[in-house]
């Protein structure tokens, strides 16, 4: 499981706690914590996409494709 999946799971847990909270005053805190976990998950997804984009060619292949062709 990736860290962003873990963060989303934590957000779900916080939402469950918000629904089950016996104190009405505690519910906004749990909801805020859930939002924070979701923002962290989105941030982790952005970082992971920047570090390892799925649609980019393997290292070295792009350089070969961009290299000028030698004249014959």
N, C-alpha and C. Protein backbone atom coordinates (compact mmCIF):
# COMPACT_ATOMS: atom_id res chain seq x y z
N UNK A 1 0.85 -1.17 0.00
CA UNK A 1 0.00 0.00 0.00
C UNK A 1 0.89 1.24 0.00
N UNK A 2 0.57 2.21 -0.85
CA UNK A 2 1.37 3.42 -0.93
C UNK A 2 1.04 4.36 0.23
N UNK A 3 1.91 5.32 0.44
CA UNK A 3 1.67 6.26 1.54
C UNK A 3 0.38 7.06 1.29
N UNK A 4 0.09 7.41 0.04
CA UNK A 4 -1.14 8.17 -0.22
C UNK A 4 -2.38 7.32 0.10
N UNK A 5 -2.29 6.01 -0.13
CA UNK A 5 -3.39 5.12 0.26
C UNK A 5 -3.54 5.08 1.78
N UNK A 6 -2.42 5.05 2.47
CA UNK A 6 -2.45 5.07 3.94
C UNK A 6 -3.11 6.37 4.43
N UNK A 7 -2.75 7.49 3.81
CA UNK A 7 -3.31 8.77 4.21
C UNK A 7 -4.82 8.81 3.97
N UNK A 8 -5.25 8.26 2.85
CA UNK A 8 -6.69 8.21 2.57
C UNK A 8 -7.42 7.31 3.57
N UNK A 9 -6.79 6.24 3.94
CA UNK A 9 -7.36 5.35 4.95
C UNK A 9 -7.50 6.08 6.29
N UNK A 10 -6.49 6.86 6.64
CA UNK A 10 -6.56 7.65 7.87
C UNK A 10 -7.71 8.67 7.79
N UNK A 11 -7.90 9.25 6.63
CA UNK A 11 -9.00 10.21 6.45
C UNK A 11 -10.34 9.52 6.66
N UNK A 12 -10.49 8.33 6.12
CA UNK A 12 -11.73 7.57 6.32
C UNK A 12 -11.95 7.26 7.80
N UNK A 13 -10.88 6.91 8.48
CA UNK A 13 -10.98 6.64 9.92
C UNK A 13 -11.46 7.90 10.67
N UNK A 14 -10.93 9.03 10.30
CA UNK A 14 -11.32 10.29 10.95
C UNK A 14 -12.80 10.59 10.68
N UNK A 15 -13.27 10.34 9.48
CA UNK A 15 -14.68 10.57 9.18
C UNK A 15 -15.58 9.63 9.98
N UNK A 16 -15.14 8.39 10.15
CA UNK A 16 -15.90 7.46 10.99
C UNK A 16 -15.94 7.96 12.44
N UNK A 17 -14.81 8.46 12.90
CA UNK A 17 -14.76 8.98 14.27
C UNK A 17 -15.68 10.20 14.41
N UNK A 18 -15.73 11.02 13.38
CA UNK A 18 -16.62 12.19 13.42
C UNK A 18 -18.07 11.76 13.54
N UNK A 19 -18.44 10.72 12.82
CA UNK A 19 -19.83 10.23 12.89
C UNK A 19 -20.14 9.60 14.23
N UNK A 20 -19.14 8.97 14.84
CA UNK A 20 -19.37 8.25 16.10
C UNK A 20 -19.10 9.10 17.33
N UNK A 21 -18.58 10.30 17.16
CA UNK A 21 -18.21 11.13 18.31
C UNK A 21 -19.41 11.41 19.20
N UNK A 22 -19.24 11.15 20.47
CA UNK A 22 -20.34 11.38 21.42
C UNK A 22 -20.49 12.87 21.73
N UNK A 23 -19.40 13.58 21.62
CA UNK A 23 -19.42 15.03 21.86
C UNK A 23 -19.59 15.77 20.54
N UNK A 24 -20.63 16.56 20.44
CA UNK A 24 -20.90 17.33 19.22
C UNK A 24 -19.71 18.23 18.86
N UNK A 25 -19.04 18.76 19.87
CA UNK A 25 -17.91 19.67 19.65
C UNK A 25 -16.70 18.97 19.03
N UNK A 26 -16.62 17.65 19.14
CA UNK A 26 -15.48 16.90 18.60
C UNK A 26 -15.61 16.66 17.09
N UNK A 27 -16.80 16.68 16.56
CA UNK A 27 -17.01 16.33 15.15
C UNK A 27 -16.26 17.23 14.18
N UNK A 28 -16.27 18.55 14.36
CA UNK A 28 -15.50 19.39 13.43
C UNK A 28 -14.00 19.10 13.45
N UNK A 29 -13.49 18.75 14.63
CA UNK A 29 -12.07 18.42 14.72
C UNK A 29 -11.75 17.19 13.88
N UNK A 30 -12.57 16.14 14.00
CA UNK A 30 -12.35 14.92 13.21
C UNK A 30 -12.47 15.22 11.72
N UNK A 31 -13.45 16.03 11.34
CA UNK A 31 -13.63 16.37 9.93
C UNK A 31 -12.43 17.16 9.40
N UNK A 32 -11.91 18.06 10.21
CA UNK A 32 -10.72 18.83 9.82
C UNK A 32 -9.51 17.93 9.67
N UNK A 33 -9.38 16.97 10.58
CA UNK A 33 -8.27 16.02 10.47
C UNK A 33 -8.40 15.18 9.19
N UNK A 34 -9.62 14.79 8.84
CA UNK A 34 -9.83 14.03 7.61
C UNK A 34 -9.40 14.85 6.40
N UNK A 35 -9.77 16.13 6.38
CA UNK A 35 -9.36 17.00 5.28
C UNK A 35 -7.85 17.12 5.19
N UNK A 36 -7.20 17.20 6.32
CA UNK A 36 -5.74 17.30 6.34
C UNK A 36 -5.10 16.03 5.78
N UNK A 37 -5.63 14.87 6.14
CA UNK A 37 -5.10 13.61 5.60
C UNK A 37 -5.31 13.55 4.09
N UNK A 38 -6.46 14.02 3.61
CA UNK A 38 -6.72 14.00 2.16
C UNK A 38 -5.77 14.93 1.43
N UNK A 39 -5.52 16.11 1.99
CA UNK A 39 -4.56 17.03 1.36
C UNK A 39 -3.16 16.41 1.32
N UNK A 40 -2.79 15.74 2.39
CA UNK A 40 -1.49 15.07 2.42
C UNK A 40 -1.42 13.97 1.36
N UNK A 41 -2.50 13.22 1.19
CA UNK A 41 -2.55 12.17 0.16
C UNK A 41 -2.39 12.78 -1.24
N UNK A 42 -3.08 13.89 -1.49
CA UNK A 42 -2.96 14.55 -2.79
C UNK A 42 -1.54 15.05 -3.01
N UNK A 43 -0.94 15.59 -1.98
CA UNK A 43 0.44 16.08 -2.09
C UNK A 43 1.39 14.91 -2.39
N UNK A 44 1.20 13.80 -1.69
CA UNK A 44 2.04 12.62 -1.94
C UNK A 44 1.87 12.11 -3.37
N UNK A 45 0.64 12.14 -3.88
CA UNK A 45 0.40 11.73 -5.27
C UNK A 45 1.14 12.64 -6.25
N UNK A 46 1.09 13.95 -6.00
CA UNK A 46 1.79 14.89 -6.89
C UNK A 46 3.29 14.64 -6.88
N UNK A 47 3.84 14.43 -5.70
CA UNK A 47 5.28 14.18 -5.59
C UNK A 47 5.64 12.88 -6.30
N UNK A 48 4.87 11.84 -6.09
CA UNK A 48 5.16 10.55 -6.72
C UNK A 48 5.05 10.65 -8.23
N UNK A 49 4.13 11.44 -8.74
CA UNK A 49 3.98 11.61 -10.18
C UNK A 49 5.19 12.34 -10.75
N UNK A 50 5.69 13.33 -10.03
CA UNK A 50 6.86 14.08 -10.50
C UNK A 50 8.11 13.22 -10.47
N UNK A 51 8.22 12.35 -9.47
CA UNK A 51 9.42 11.53 -9.34
C UNK A 51 9.46 10.39 -10.33
N UNK A 52 8.30 9.82 -10.65
CA UNK A 52 8.26 8.65 -11.53
C UNK A 52 7.04 8.73 -12.45
N UNK A 53 7.05 9.64 -13.42
CA UNK A 53 5.90 9.72 -14.32
C UNK A 53 5.76 8.43 -15.11
N UNK A 54 4.54 7.93 -15.19
CA UNK A 54 4.30 6.65 -15.85
C UNK A 54 4.45 6.73 -17.37
N UNK A 55 4.18 7.89 -17.95
CA UNK A 55 4.16 7.97 -19.40
C UNK A 55 5.49 8.46 -19.98
N UNK A 56 6.51 8.68 -19.15
CA UNK A 56 7.79 9.12 -19.70
C UNK A 56 8.61 7.89 -20.10
N UNK A 57 9.42 8.04 -21.14
CA UNK A 57 10.24 6.91 -21.58
C UNK A 57 11.33 6.60 -20.56
N UNK A 58 11.81 5.37 -20.55
CA UNK A 58 12.92 5.03 -19.65
C UNK A 58 14.13 5.92 -19.92
N UNK A 59 14.94 6.08 -18.93
CA UNK A 59 16.11 6.96 -19.03
C UNK A 59 16.99 6.55 -20.20
N UNK A 60 17.40 7.53 -20.98
CA UNK A 60 18.28 7.27 -22.12
C UNK A 60 17.53 7.18 -23.43
N UNK A 61 16.33 6.67 -23.45
CA UNK A 61 15.59 6.54 -24.70
C UNK A 61 15.20 7.89 -25.28
N UNK A 62 14.81 8.82 -24.43
CA UNK A 62 14.41 10.14 -24.92
C UNK A 62 15.60 10.87 -25.53
N UNK A 63 16.77 10.73 -24.92
CA UNK A 63 17.94 11.38 -25.47
C UNK A 63 18.28 10.87 -26.86
N UNK A 64 18.17 9.59 -27.06
CA UNK A 64 18.45 9.01 -28.37
C UNK A 64 17.46 9.49 -29.41
N UNK A 65 16.20 9.61 -29.03
CA UNK A 65 15.16 10.04 -29.98
C UNK A 65 15.35 11.51 -30.33
N UNK A 66 15.85 12.31 -29.38
CA UNK A 66 16.03 13.75 -29.62
C UNK A 66 17.35 14.08 -30.30
N UNK A 67 18.26 13.14 -30.37
CA UNK A 67 19.59 13.39 -30.94
C UNK A 67 19.45 13.63 -32.44
N UNK A 68 20.23 14.58 -32.97
CA UNK A 68 20.18 14.82 -34.42
C UNK A 68 20.67 13.61 -35.21
N UNK A 69 20.07 13.38 -36.35
CA UNK A 69 20.46 12.26 -37.19
C UNK A 69 21.74 12.63 -37.95
N UNK A 70 22.63 11.69 -38.07
CA UNK A 70 23.89 11.92 -38.79
C UNK A 70 23.59 11.91 -40.29
N UNK A 71 24.19 12.85 -41.00
CA UNK A 71 24.00 12.92 -42.46
C UNK A 71 24.79 11.80 -43.12
N UNK A 72 24.19 11.16 -44.14
CA UNK A 72 24.90 10.09 -44.79
C UNK A 72 25.57 10.54 -46.05
